[in-house]
Amino acid sequence: MSFMESDQAFLEYSVKALVDHPEAVETTRIIDQMGVLLTLTVHPDDMGKIIGKSGKTAEALRILLRIVGMKGNARVNLKINEPAGGKREAPSTAPEMKTVDQVVEEL
């Protein structure tokens, strides 16, 4: 493993230690002009453990990855994939907004 891939190895090791389904942990690493983008996919049941209370675990992982990246002079960003059928509500479930004319007409 090269030094440049140590950020991905660090992420996989850390996440697998936190989750109940380590076999489902997948990471991808893309390098572009913005730096390194690590994408993380975990089992849907483990999303809460990765995000943490108020997003604290995800924030801590991002901070640690930035530190690992600094050692290799790279900017490292983390994207966590939302699993299909996740618990987050889709924006389309918001109530439909009515115009002033529609409200007046209902009166």
PDB file of N, CA and C in Angstrom:
ATOM      1  N   MET A   1       0.846  -1.172   0.000  1.00  0.00           N
ATOM      2  CA  MET A   1       0.000   0.000   0.000  1.00  0.00           C
ATOM      3  C   MET A   1       0.893   1.237   0.000  1.00  0.00           C
ATOM      4  N   SER A   2       0.583   2.165  -0.883  1.00  0.00           N
ATOM      5  CA  SER A   2       1.373   3.390  -0.942  1.00  0.00           C
ATOM      6  C   SER A   2       0.918   4.355   0.143  1.00  0.00           C
ATOM      7  N   PHE A   3       1.764   5.335   0.409  1.00  0.00           N
ATOM      8  CA  PHE A   3       1.427   6.345   1.412  1.00  0.00           C
ATOM      9  C   PHE A   3       0.151   7.082   1.042  1.00  0.00           C
ATOM     10  N   MET A   4      -0.048   7.314  -0.263  1.00  0.00           N
ATOM     11  CA  MET A   4      -1.196   8.086  -0.710  1.00  0.00           C
ATOM     12  C   MET A   4      -2.512   7.363  -0.447  1.00  0.00           C
ATOM     13  N   GLU A   5      -2.513   6.059  -0.313  1.00  0.00           N
ATOM     14  CA  GLU A   5      -3.736   5.313  -0.056  1.00  0.00           C
ATOM     15  C   GLU A   5      -3.947   5.057   1.433  1.00  0.00           C
ATOM     16  N   SER A   6      -3.080   5.609   2.274  1.00  0.00           N
ATOM     17  CA  SER A   6      -3.218   5.377   3.706  1.00  0.00           C
ATOM     18  C   SER A   6      -4.486   6.023   4.261  1.00  0.00           C
ATOM     19  N   ASP A   7      -4.990   7.096   3.629  1.00  0.00           N
ATOM     20  CA  ASP A   7      -6.221   7.719   4.081  1.00  0.00           C
ATOM     21  C   ASP A   7      -7.403   6.769   3.909  1.00  0.00           C
ATOM     22  N   GLN A   8      -7.445   6.066   2.792  1.00  0.00           N
ATOM     23  CA  GLN A   8      -8.528   5.105   2.546  1.00  0.00           C
ATOM     24  C   GLN A   8      -8.428   3.926   3.511  1.00  0.00           C
ATOM     25  N   ALA A   9      -7.229   3.435   3.757  1.00  0.00           N
ATOM     26  CA  ALA A   9      -7.040   2.315   4.689  1.00  0.00           C
ATOM     27  C   ALA A   9      -7.436   2.736   6.102  1.00  0.00           C
ATOM     28  N   PHE A  10      -7.075   3.964   6.485  1.00  0.00           N
ATOM     29  CA  PHE A  10      -7.444   4.486   7.802  1.00  0.00           C
ATOM     30  C   PHE A  10      -8.965   4.546   7.950  1.00  0.00           C
ATOM     31  N   LEU A  11      -9.654   5.050   6.912  1.00  0.00           N
ATOM     32  CA  LEU A  11     -11.113   5.152   6.961  1.00  0.00           C
ATOM     33  C   LEU A  11     -11.745   3.772   7.105  1.00  0.00           C
ATOM     34  N   GLU A  12     -11.318   2.822   6.290  1.00  0.00           N
ATOM     35  CA  GLU A  12     -11.890   1.474   6.353  1.00  0.00           C
ATOM     36  C   GLU A  12     -11.666   0.836   7.719  1.00  0.00           C
ATOM     37  N   TYR A  13     -10.459   0.943   8.234  1.00  0.00           N
ATOM     38  CA  TYR A  13     -10.140   0.361   9.537  1.00  0.00           C
ATOM     39  C   TYR A  13     -11.020   0.973  10.627  1.00  0.00           C
ATOM     40  N   SER A  14     -11.133   2.292  10.632  1.00  0.00           N
ATOM     41  CA  SER A  14     -11.908   2.991  11.669  1.00  0.00           C
ATOM     42  C   SER A  14     -13.389   2.641  11.597  1.00  0.00           C
ATOM     43  N   VAL A  15     -13.931   2.657  10.384  1.00  0.00           N
ATOM     44  CA  VAL A  15     -15.368   2.407  10.224  1.00  0.00           C
ATOM     45  C   VAL A  15     -15.708   0.957  10.557  1.00  0.00           C
ATOM     46  N   LYS A  16     -14.876   0.026  10.118  1.00  0.00           N
ATOM     47  CA  LYS A  16     -15.148  -1.384  10.408  1.00  0.00           C
ATOM     48  C   LYS A  16     -15.135  -1.671  11.903  1.00  0.00           C
ATOM     49  N   ALA A  17     -14.386  -0.891  12.664  1.00  0.00           N
ATOM     50  CA  ALA A  17     -14.360  -1.068  14.118  1.00  0.00           C
ATOM     51  C   ALA A  17     -15.628  -0.524  14.770  1.00  0.00           C
ATOM     52  N   LEU A  18     -16.358   0.347  14.089  1.00  0.00           N
ATOM     53  CA  LEU A  18     -17.549   0.976  14.666  1.00  0.00           C
ATOM     54  C   LEU A  18     -18.861   0.258  14.348  1.00  0.00           C
ATOM     55  N   VAL A  19     -18.917  -0.441  13.227  1.00  0.00           N
ATOM     56  CA  VAL A  19     -20.189  -0.956  12.724  1.00  0.00           C
ATOM     57  C   VAL A  19     -20.452  -2.413  13.106  1.00  0.00           C
ATOM     58  N   ASP A  20     -21.705  -2.833  12.955  1.00  0.00           N
ATOM     59  CA  ASP A  20     -22.096  -4.220  13.206  1.00  0.00           C
ATOM     60  C   ASP A  20     -21.918  -5.105  11.973  1.00  0.00           C
ATOM     61  N   HIS A  21     -21.837  -4.482  10.798  1.00  0.00           N
ATOM     62  CA  HIS A  21     -21.702  -5.223   9.536  1.00  0.00           C
ATOM     63  C   HIS A  21     -20.434  -4.773   8.804  1.00  0.00           C
ATOM     64  N   PRO A  22     -19.248  -5.132   9.327  1.00  0.00           N
ATOM     65  CA  PRO A  22     -18.004  -4.675   8.692  1.00  0.00           C
ATOM     66  C   PRO A  22     -17.824  -5.205   7.268  1.00  0.00           C
ATOM     67  N   GLU A  23     -18.450  -6.322   6.951  1.00  0.00           N
ATOM     68  CA  GLU A  23     -18.325  -6.879   5.602  1.00  0.00           C
ATOM     69  C   GLU A  23     -19.017  -6.004   4.554  1.00  0.00           C
ATOM     70  N   ALA A  24     -19.933  -5.133   4.988  1.00  0.00           N
ATOM     71  CA  ALA A  24     -20.672  -4.271   4.060  1.00  0.00           C
ATOM     72  C   ALA A  24     -20.000  -2.916   3.841  1.00  0.00           C
ATOM     73  N   VAL A  25     -18.891  -2.655   4.523  1.00  0.00           N
ATOM     74  CA  VAL A  25     -18.198  -1.371   4.384  1.00  0.00           C
ATOM     75  C   VAL A  25     -17.470  -1.329   3.044  1.00  0.00           C
ATOM     76  N   GLU A  26     -17.750  -0.283   2.267  1.00  0.00           N
ATOM     77  CA  GLU A  26     -17.088  -0.090   0.977  1.00  0.00           C
ATOM     78  C   GLU A  26     -16.603   1.346   0.891  1.00  0.00           C
ATOM     79  N   THR A  27     -15.405   1.530   0.357  1.00  0.00           N
ATOM     80  CA  THR A  27     -14.884   2.874   0.144  1.00  0.00           C
ATOM     81  C   THR A  27     -14.343   2.992  -1.270  1.00  0.00           C
ATOM     82  N   THR A  28     -14.455   4.178  -1.806  1.00  0.00           N
ATOM     83  CA  THR A  28     -13.823   4.480  -3.085  1.00  0.00           C
ATOM     84  C   THR A  28     -12.984   5.739  -2.894  1.00  0.00           C
ATOM     85  N   ARG A  29     -11.946   5.867  -3.713  1.00  0.00           N
ATOM     86  CA  ARG A  29     -11.034   7.004  -3.590  1.00  0.00           C
ATOM     87  C   ARG A  29     -10.852   7.630  -4.961  1.00  0.00           C
ATOM     88  N   ILE A  30     -11.184   8.920  -5.061  1.00  0.00           N
ATOM     89  CA  ILE A  30     -11.060   9.649  -6.315  1.00  0.00           C
ATOM     90  C   ILE A  30     -10.186  10.873  -6.067  1.00  0.00           C
ATOM     91  N   ILE A  31      -9.241  11.108  -6.973  1.00  0.00           N
ATOM     92  CA  ILE A  31      -8.381  12.280  -6.876  1.00  0.00           C
ATOM     93  C   ILE A  31      -8.743  13.229  -8.009  1.00  0.00           C
ATOM     94  N   ASP A  32      -8.998  14.494  -7.666  1.00  0.00           N
ATOM     95  CA  ASP A  32      -9.254  15.511  -8.685  1.00  0.00           C
ATOM     96  C   ASP A  32      -8.574  16.806  -8.277  1.00  0.00           C
ATOM     97  N   GLN A  33      -8.905  17.908  -8.945  1.00  0.00           N
ATOM     98  CA  GLN A  33      -8.255  19.178  -8.658  1.00  0.00           C
ATOM     99  C   GLN A  33      -8.584  19.703  -7.260  1.00  0.00           C
ATOM    100  N   MET A  34      -9.657  19.243  -6.652  1.00  0.00           N
ATOM    101  CA  MET A  34     -10.042  19.672  -5.307  1.00  0.00           C
ATOM    102  C   MET A  34      -9.331  18.873  -4.217  1.00  0.00           C
ATOM    103  N   GLY A  35      -8.710  17.767  -4.580  1.00  0.00           N
ATOM    104  CA  GLY A  35      -8.022  16.929  -3.607  1.00  0.00           C
ATOM    105  C   GLY A  35      -8.492  15.489  -3.703  1.00  0.00           C
ATOM    106  N   VAL A  36      -8.569  14.831  -2.566  1.00  0.00           N
ATOM    107  CA  VAL A  36      -8.978  13.428  -2.503  1.00  0.00           C
ATOM    108  C   VAL A  36     -10.409  13.361  -1.980  1.00  0.00           C
ATOM    109  N   LEU A  37     -11.248  12.617  -2.673  1.00  0.00           N
ATOM    110  CA  LEU A  37     -12.616  12.392  -2.215  1.00  0.00           C
ATOM    111  C   LEU A  37     -12.766  10.920  -1.876  1.00  0.00           C
ATOM    112  N   LEU A  38     -13.022  10.648  -0.602  1.00  0.00           N
ATOM    113  CA  LEU A  38     -13.312   9.283  -0.162  1.00  0.00           C
ATOM    114  C   LEU A  38     -14.819   9.162  -0.020  1.00  0.00           C
ATOM    115  N   THR A  39     -15.375   8.128  -0.625  1.00  0.00           N
ATOM    116  CA  THR A  39     -16.806   7.882  -0.541  1.00  0.00           C
ATOM    117  C   THR A  39     -17.018   6.618   0.276  1.00  0.00           C
ATOM    118  N   LEU A  40     -17.883   6.713   1.269  1.00  0.00           N
ATOM    119  CA  LEU A  40     -18.134   5.607   2.194  1.00  0.00           C
ATOM    120  C   LEU A  40     -19.550   5.091   2.034  1.00  0.00           C
ATOM    121  N   THR A  41     -19.680   3.783   1.940  1.00  0.00           N
ATOM    122  CA  THR A  41     -20.979   3.127   1.905  1.00  0.00           C
ATOM    123  C   THR A  41     -20.988   2.069   2.995  1.00  0.00           C
ATOM    124  N   VAL A  42     -22.030   2.074   3.824  1.00  0.00           N
ATOM    125  CA  VAL A  42     -22.162   1.087   4.899  1.00  0.00           C
ATOM    126  C   VAL A  42     -23.546   0.460   4.841  1.00  0.00           C
ATOM    127  N   HIS A  43     -23.738  -0.592   5.601  1.00  0.00           N
ATOM    128  CA  HIS A  43     -25.039  -1.252   5.724  1.00  0.00           C
ATOM    129  C   HIS A  43     -26.039  -0.226   6.271  1.00  0.00           C
ATOM    130  N   PRO A  44     -27.283  -0.226   5.773  1.00  0.00           N
ATOM    131  CA  PRO A  44     -28.276   0.753   6.244  1.00  0.00           C
ATOM    132  C   PRO A  44     -28.464   0.764   7.763  1.00  0.00           C
ATOM    133  N   ASP A  45     -28.343  -0.391   8.415  1.00  0.00           N
ATOM    134  CA  ASP A  45     -28.504  -0.456   9.870  1.00  0.00           C
ATOM    135  C   ASP A  45     -27.366   0.240  10.605  1.00  0.00           C
ATOM    136  N   ASP A  46     -26.240   0.452   9.943  1.00  0.00           N
ATOM    137  CA  ASP A  46     -25.068   1.056  10.584  1.00  0.00           C
ATOM    138  C   ASP A  46     -24.953   2.563  10.361  1.00  0.00           C
ATOM    139  N   MET A  47     -25.864   3.144   9.601  1.00  0.00           N
ATOM    140  CA  MET A  47     -25.773   4.576   9.296  1.00  0.00           C
ATOM    141  C   MET A  47     -25.760   5.432  10.565  1.00  0.00           C
ATOM    142  N   GLY A  48     -26.583   5.089  11.532  1.00  0.00           N
ATOM    143  CA  GLY A  48     -26.637   5.856  12.773  1.00  0.00           C
ATOM    144  C   GLY A  48     -25.320   5.846  13.523  1.00  0.00           C
ATOM    145  N   LYS A  49     -24.624   4.732  13.466  1.00  0.00           N
ATOM    146  CA  LYS A  49     -23.330   4.633  14.155  1.00  0.00           C
ATOM    147  C   LYS A  49     -22.274   5.483  13.463  1.00  0.00           C
ATOM    148  N   ILE A  50     -22.355   5.595  12.153  1.00  0.00           N
ATOM    149  CA  ILE A  50     -21.376   6.372  11.402  1.00  0.00           C
ATOM    150  C   ILE A  50     -21.662   7.868  11.511  1.00  0.00           C
ATOM    151  N   ILE A  51     -22.922   8.231  11.479  1.00  0.00           N
ATOM    152  CA  ILE A  51     -23.289   9.646  11.593  1.00  0.00           C
ATOM    153  C   ILE A  51     -23.106  10.104  13.045  1.00  0.00           C
ATOM    154  N   GLY A  52     -23.593   9.317  13.991  1.00  0.00           N
ATOM    155  CA  GLY A  52     -23.453   9.664  15.400  1.00  0.00           C
ATOM    156  C   GLY A  52     -24.482  10.690  15.842  1.00  0.00           C
ATOM    157  N   LYS A  53     -24.520  10.928  17.127  1.00  0.00           N
ATOM    158  CA  LYS A  53     -25.470  11.882  17.694  1.00  0.00           C
ATOM    159  C   LYS A  53     -25.125  13.289  17.207  1.00  0.00           C
ATOM    160  N   SER A  54     -26.071  13.931  16.571  1.00  0.00           N
ATOM    161  CA  SER A  54     -25.895  15.274  16.000  1.00  0.00           C
ATOM    162  C   SER A  54     -24.743  15.335  15.005  1.00  0.00           C
ATOM    163  N   GLY A  55     -24.422  14.204  14.379  1.00  0.00           N
ATOM    164  CA  GLY A  55     -23.378  14.180  13.362  1.00  0.00           C
ATOM    165  C   GLY A  55     -21.963  14.218  13.904  1.00  0.00           C
ATOM    166  N   LYS A  56     -21.804  13.985  15.205  1.00  0.00           N
ATOM    167  CA  LYS A  56     -20.482  14.109  15.831  1.00  0.00           C
ATOM    168  C   LYS A  56     -19.485  13.056  15.351  1.00  0.00           C
ATOM    169  N   THR A  57     -19.925  11.823  15.124  1.00  0.00           N
ATOM    170  CA  THR A  57     -18.995  10.780  14.683  1.00  0.00           C
ATOM    171  C   THR A  57     -18.505  11.069  13.265  1.00  0.00           C
ATOM    172  N   ALA A  58     -19.422  11.451  12.380  1.00  0.00           N
ATOM    173  CA  ALA A  58     -19.033  11.792  11.011  1.00  0.00           C
ATOM    174  C   ALA A  58     -18.082  12.987  11.008  1.00  0.00           C
ATOM    175  N   GLU A  59     -18.356  13.968  11.840  1.00  0.00           N
ATOM    176  CA  GLU A  59     -17.485  15.144  11.938  1.00  0.00           C
ATOM    177  C   GLU A  59     -16.085  14.747  12.420  1.00  0.00           C
ATOM    178  N   ALA A  60     -16.021  13.862  13.405  1.00  0.00           N
ATOM    179  CA  ALA A  60     -14.727  13.407  13.928  1.00  0.00           C
ATOM    180  C   ALA A  60     -13.950  12.637  12.858  1.00  0.00           C
ATOM    181  N   LEU A  61     -14.638  11.788  12.092  1.00  0.00           N
ATOM    182  CA  LEU A  61     -13.968  11.055  11.005  1.00  0.00           C
ATOM    183  C   LEU A  61     -13.404  12.032   9.977  1.00  0.00           C
ATOM    184  N   ARG A  62     -14.166  13.056   9.650  1.00  0.00           N
ATOM    185  CA  ARG A  62     -13.699  14.048   8.663  1.00  0.00           C
ATOM    186  C   ARG A  62     -12.470  14.800   9.171  1.00  0.00           C
ATOM    187  N   ILE A  63     -12.474  15.163  10.447  1.00  0.00           N
ATOM    188  CA  ILE A  63     -11.327  15.865  11.038  1.00  0.00           C
ATOM    189  C   ILE A  63     -10.085  14.980  11.003  1.00  0.00           C
ATOM    190  N   LEU A  64     -10.245  13.724  11.406  1.00  0.00           N
ATOM    191  CA  LEU A  64      -9.104  12.804  11.402  1.00  0.00           C
ATOM    192  C   LEU A  64      -8.578  12.567   9.985  1.00  0.00           C
ATOM    193  N   LEU A  65      -9.478  12.482   9.013  1.00  0.00           N
ATOM    194  CA  LEU A  65      -9.038  12.294   7.627  1.00  0.00           C
ATOM    195  C   LEU A  65      -8.285  13.520   7.111  1.00  0.00           C
ATOM    196  N   ARG A  66      -8.703  14.708   7.537  1.00  0.00           N
ATOM    197  CA  ARG A  66      -7.965  15.912   7.146  1.00  0.00           C
ATOM    198  C   ARG A  66      -6.552  15.883   7.708  1.00  0.00           C
ATOM    199  N   ILE A  67      -6.422  15.387   8.938  1.00  0.00           N
ATOM    200  CA  ILE A  67      -5.095  15.292   9.564  1.00  0.00           C
ATOM    201  C   ILE A  67      -4.232  14.271   8.827  1.00  0.00           C
ATOM    202  N   VAL A  68      -4.811  13.122   8.492  1.00  0.00           N
ATOM    203  CA  VAL A  68      -4.079  12.111   7.725  1.00  0.00           C
ATOM    204  C   VAL A  68      -3.665  12.700   6.376  1.00  0.00           C
ATOM    205  N   GLY A  69      -4.555  13.464   5.757  1.00  0.00           N
ATOM    206  CA  GLY A  69      -4.252  14.091   4.476  1.00  0.00           C
ATOM    207  C   GLY A  69      -3.135  15.110   4.570  1.00  0.00           C
ATOM    208  N   MET A  70      -3.100  15.872   5.666  1.00  0.00           N
ATOM    209  CA  MET A  70      -2.044  16.879   5.839  1.00  0.00           C
ATOM    210  C   MET A  70      -0.663  16.235   5.809  1.00  0.00           C
ATOM    211  N   LYS A  71      -0.570  15.039   6.354  1.00  0.00           N
ATOM    212  CA  LYS A  71       0.713  14.331   6.371  1.00  0.00           C
ATOM    213  C   LYS A  71       1.205  14.060   4.953  1.00  0.00           C
ATOM    214  N   GLY A  72       0.264  13.860   4.024  1.00  0.00           N
ATOM    215  CA  GLY A  72       0.632  13.607   2.631  1.00  0.00           C
ATOM    216  C   GLY A  72       0.414  14.809   1.738  1.00  0.00           C
ATOM    217  N   ASN A  73       0.246  15.996   2.347  1.00  0.00           N
ATOM    218  CA  ASN A  73       0.004  17.234   1.586  1.00  0.00           C
ATOM    219  C   ASN A  73      -1.185  17.121   0.644  1.00  0.00           C
ATOM    220  N   ALA A  74      -2.271  16.539   1.120  1.00  0.00           N
ATOM    221  CA  ALA A  74      -3.476  16.383   0.310  1.00  0.00           C
ATOM    222  C   ALA A  74      -4.689  16.830   1.114  1.00  0.00           C
ATOM    223  N   ARG A  75      -5.656  17.391   0.430  1.00  0.00           N
ATOM    224  CA  ARG A  75      -6.924  17.746   1.071  1.00  0.00           C
ATOM    225  C   ARG A  75      -7.854  16.546   0.908  1.00  0.00           C
ATOM    226  N   VAL A  76      -8.280  15.972   2.030  1.00  0.00           N
ATOM    227  CA  VAL A  76      -9.111  14.770   2.002  1.00  0.00           C
ATOM    228  C   VAL A  76     -10.527  15.130   2.460  1.00  0.00           C
ATOM    229  N   ASN A  77     -11.505  14.773   1.637  1.00  0.00           N
ATOM    230  CA  ASN A  77     -12.913  14.999   1.962  1.00  0.00           C
ATOM    231  C   ASN A  77     -13.622  13.654   2.041  1.00  0.00           C
ATOM    232  N   LEU A  78     -14.659  13.595   2.862  1.00  0.00           N
ATOM    233  CA  LEU A  78     -15.428  12.364   3.048  1.00  0.00           C
ATOM    234  C   LEU A  78     -16.874  12.595   2.659  1.00  0.00           C
ATOM    235  N   LYS A  79     -17.378  11.711   1.797  1.00  0.00           N
ATOM    236  CA  LYS A  79     -18.791  11.704   1.432  1.00  0.00           C
ATOM    237  C   LYS A  79     -19.370  10.391   1.929  1.00  0.00           C
ATOM    238  N   ILE A  80     -20.464  10.467   2.669  1.00  0.00           N
ATOM    239  CA  ILE A  80     -21.129   9.268   3.177  1.00  0.00           C
ATOM    240  C   ILE A  80     -22.378   9.051   2.341  1.00  0.00           C
ATOM    241  N   ASN A  81     -22.444   7.915   1.636  1.00  0.00           N
ATOM    242  CA  ASN A  81     -23.596   7.616   0.791  1.00  0.00           C
ATOM    243  C   ASN A  81     -24.812   7.281   1.632  1.00  0.00           C
ATOM    244  N   GLU A  82     -25.928   7.865   1.278  1.00  0.00           N
ATOM    245  CA  GLU A  82     -27.209   7.550   1.911  1.00  0.00           C
ATOM    246  C   GLU A  82     -27.696   6.239   1.304  1.00  0.00           C
ATOM    247  N   PRO A  83     -27.984   5.216   2.132  1.00  0.00           N
ATOM    248  CA  PRO A  83     -28.432   3.944   1.563  1.00  0.00           C
ATOM    249  C   PRO A  83     -29.842   4.067   0.988  1.00  0.00           C
ATOM    250  N   ALA A  84     -30.141   3.235   0.006  1.00  0.00           N
ATOM    251  CA  ALA A  84     -31.488   3.208  -0.564  1.00  0.00           C
ATOM    252  C   ALA A  84     -32.472   2.831   0.532  1.00  0.00           C
ATOM    253  N   GLY A  85     -33.565   3.546   0.606  1.00  0.00           N
ATOM    254  CA  GLY A  85     -34.549   3.286   1.650  1.00  0.00           C
ATOM    255  C   GLY A  85     -34.112   3.801   2.999  1.00  0.00           C
ATOM    256  N   GLY A  86     -33.265   4.824   3.016  1.00  0.00           N
ATOM    257  CA  GLY A  86     -32.790   5.409   4.272  1.00  0.00           C
ATOM    258  C   GLY A  86     -33.922   6.033   5.057  1.00  0.00           C
ATOM    259  N   LYS A  87     -33.640   6.380   6.290  1.00  0.00           N
ATOM    260  CA  LYS A  87     -34.683   6.908   7.168  1.00  0.00           C
ATOM    261  C   LYS A  87     -34.949   8.394   6.958  1.00  0.00           C
ATOM    262  N   ARG A  88     -34.047   9.075   6.246  1.00  0.00           N
ATOM    263  CA  ARG A  88     -34.235  10.502   5.997  1.00  0.00           C
ATOM    264  C   ARG A  88     -35.428  10.685   5.070  1.00  0.00           C
ATOM    265  N   GLU A  89     -36.331  11.608   5.432  1.00  0.00           N
ATOM    266  CA  GLU A  89     -37.508  11.841   4.609  1.00  0.00           C
ATOM    267  C   GLU A  89     -37.124  12.603   3.357  1.00  0.00           C
ATOM    268  N   ALA A  90     -37.766  12.244   2.269  1.00  0.00           N
ATOM    269  CA  ALA A  90     -37.528  12.950   1.023  1.00  0.00           C
ATOM    270  C   ALA A  90     -38.202  14.311   1.072  1.00  0.00           C
ATOM    271  N   PRO A  91     -37.619  15.306   0.425  1.00  0.00           N
ATOM    272  CA  PRO A  91     -38.216  16.636   0.436  1.00  0.00           C
ATOM    273  C   PRO A  91     -39.627  16.658  -0.133  1.00  0.00           C
ATOM    274  N   SER A  92     -39.975  15.699  -0.986  1.00  0.00           N
ATOM    275  CA  SER A  92     -41.299  15.682  -1.601  1.00  0.00           C
ATOM    276  C   SER A  92     -42.411  15.394  -0.600  1.00  0.00           C
ATOM    277  N   THR A  93     -42.096  14.959   0.621  1.00  0.00           N
ATOM    278  CA  THR A  93     -43.126  14.664   1.606  1.00  0.00           C
ATOM    279  C   THR A  93     -43.570  15.915   2.357  1.00  0.00           C
ATOM    280  N   ALA A  94     -42.971  17.071   2.052  1.00  0.00           N
ATOM    281  CA  ALA A  94     -43.368  18.319   2.692  1.00  0.00           C
ATOM    282  C   ALA A  94     -44.751  18.708   2.200  1.00  0.00           C
ATOM    283  N   PRO A  95     -45.548  19.366   3.067  1.00  0.00           N
ATOM    284  CA  PRO A  95     -46.893  19.754   2.634  1.00  0.00           C
ATOM    285  C   PRO A  95     -46.815  20.755   1.489  1.00  0.00           C
ATOM    286  N   GLU A  96     -47.803  20.675   0.603  1.00  0.00           N
ATOM    287  CA  GLU A  96     -47.830  21.560  -0.555  1.00  0.00           C
ATOM    288  C   GLU A  96     -48.178  22.975  -0.114  1.00  0.00           C
ATOM    289  N   MET A  97     -47.455  23.939  -0.640  1.00  0.00           N
ATOM    290  CA  MET A  97     -47.702  25.337  -0.308  1.00  0.00           C
ATOM    291  C   MET A  97     -48.872  25.847  -1.138  1.00  0.00           C
ATOM    292  N   LYS A  98     -49.721  26.643  -0.495  1.00  0.00           N
ATOM    293  CA  LYS A  98     -50.869  27.218  -1.193  1.00  0.00           C
ATOM    294  C   LYS A  98     -50.594  28.692  -1.453  1.00  0.00           C
ATOM    295  N   THR A  99     -51.193  29.173  -2.532  1.00  0.00           N
ATOM    296  CA  THR A  99     -51.069  30.592  -2.829  1.00  0.00           C
ATOM    297  C   THR A  99     -52.081  31.351  -1.980  1.00  0.00           C
ATOM    298  N   VAL A 100     -51.914  32.667  -1.910  1.00  0.00           N
ATOM    299  CA  VAL A 100     -52.848  33.508  -1.162  1.00  0.00           C
ATOM    300  C   VAL A 100     -54.234  33.389  -1.748  1.00  0.00           C
ATOM    301  N   ASP A 101     -54.329  33.346  -3.065  1.00  0.00           N
ATOM    302  CA  ASP A 101     -55.645  33.223  -3.738  1.00  0.00           C
ATOM    303  C   ASP A 101     -56.347  31.935  -3.351  1.00  0.00           C
ATOM    304  N   GLN A 102     -55.602  30.822  -3.242  1.00  0.00           N
ATOM    305  CA  GLN A 102     -56.209  29.551  -2.863  1.00  0.00           C
ATOM    306  C   GLN A 102     -56.732  29.608  -1.436  1.00  0.00           C
ATOM    307  N   VAL A 103     -55.999  30.224  -0.533  1.00  0.00           N
ATOM    308  CA  VAL A 103     -56.434  30.318   0.856  1.00  0.00           C
ATOM    309  C   VAL A 103     -57.686  31.186   0.956  1.00  0.00           C
ATOM    310  N   VAL A 104     -57.707  32.320   0.251  1.00  0.00           N
ATOM    311  CA  VAL A 104     -58.863  33.223   0.265  1.00  0.00           C
ATOM    312  C   VAL A 104     -60.086  32.515  -0.320  1.00  0.00           C
ATOM    313  N   GLU A 105     -59.871  31.752  -1.383  1.00  0.00           N
ATOM    314  CA  GLU A 105     -60.970  31.030  -2.022  1.00  0.00           C
ATOM    315  C   GLU A 105     -61.579  30.004  -1.071  1.00  0.00           C
ATOM    316  N   GLU A 106     -60.748  29.368  -0.226  1.00  0.00           N
ATOM    317  CA  GLU A 106     -61.234  28.370   0.730  1.00  0.00           C
ATOM    318  C   GLU A 106     -62.087  29.004   1.816  1.00  0.00           C
ATOM    319  N   LEU A 107     -61.869  30.284   2.102  1.00  0.00           N
ATOM    320  CA  LEU A 107     -62.639  30.982   3.139  1.00  0.00           C
ATOM    321  C   LEU A 107     -64.011  31.257   2.609  1.00  0.00           C
TER     322      LEU A 107
END
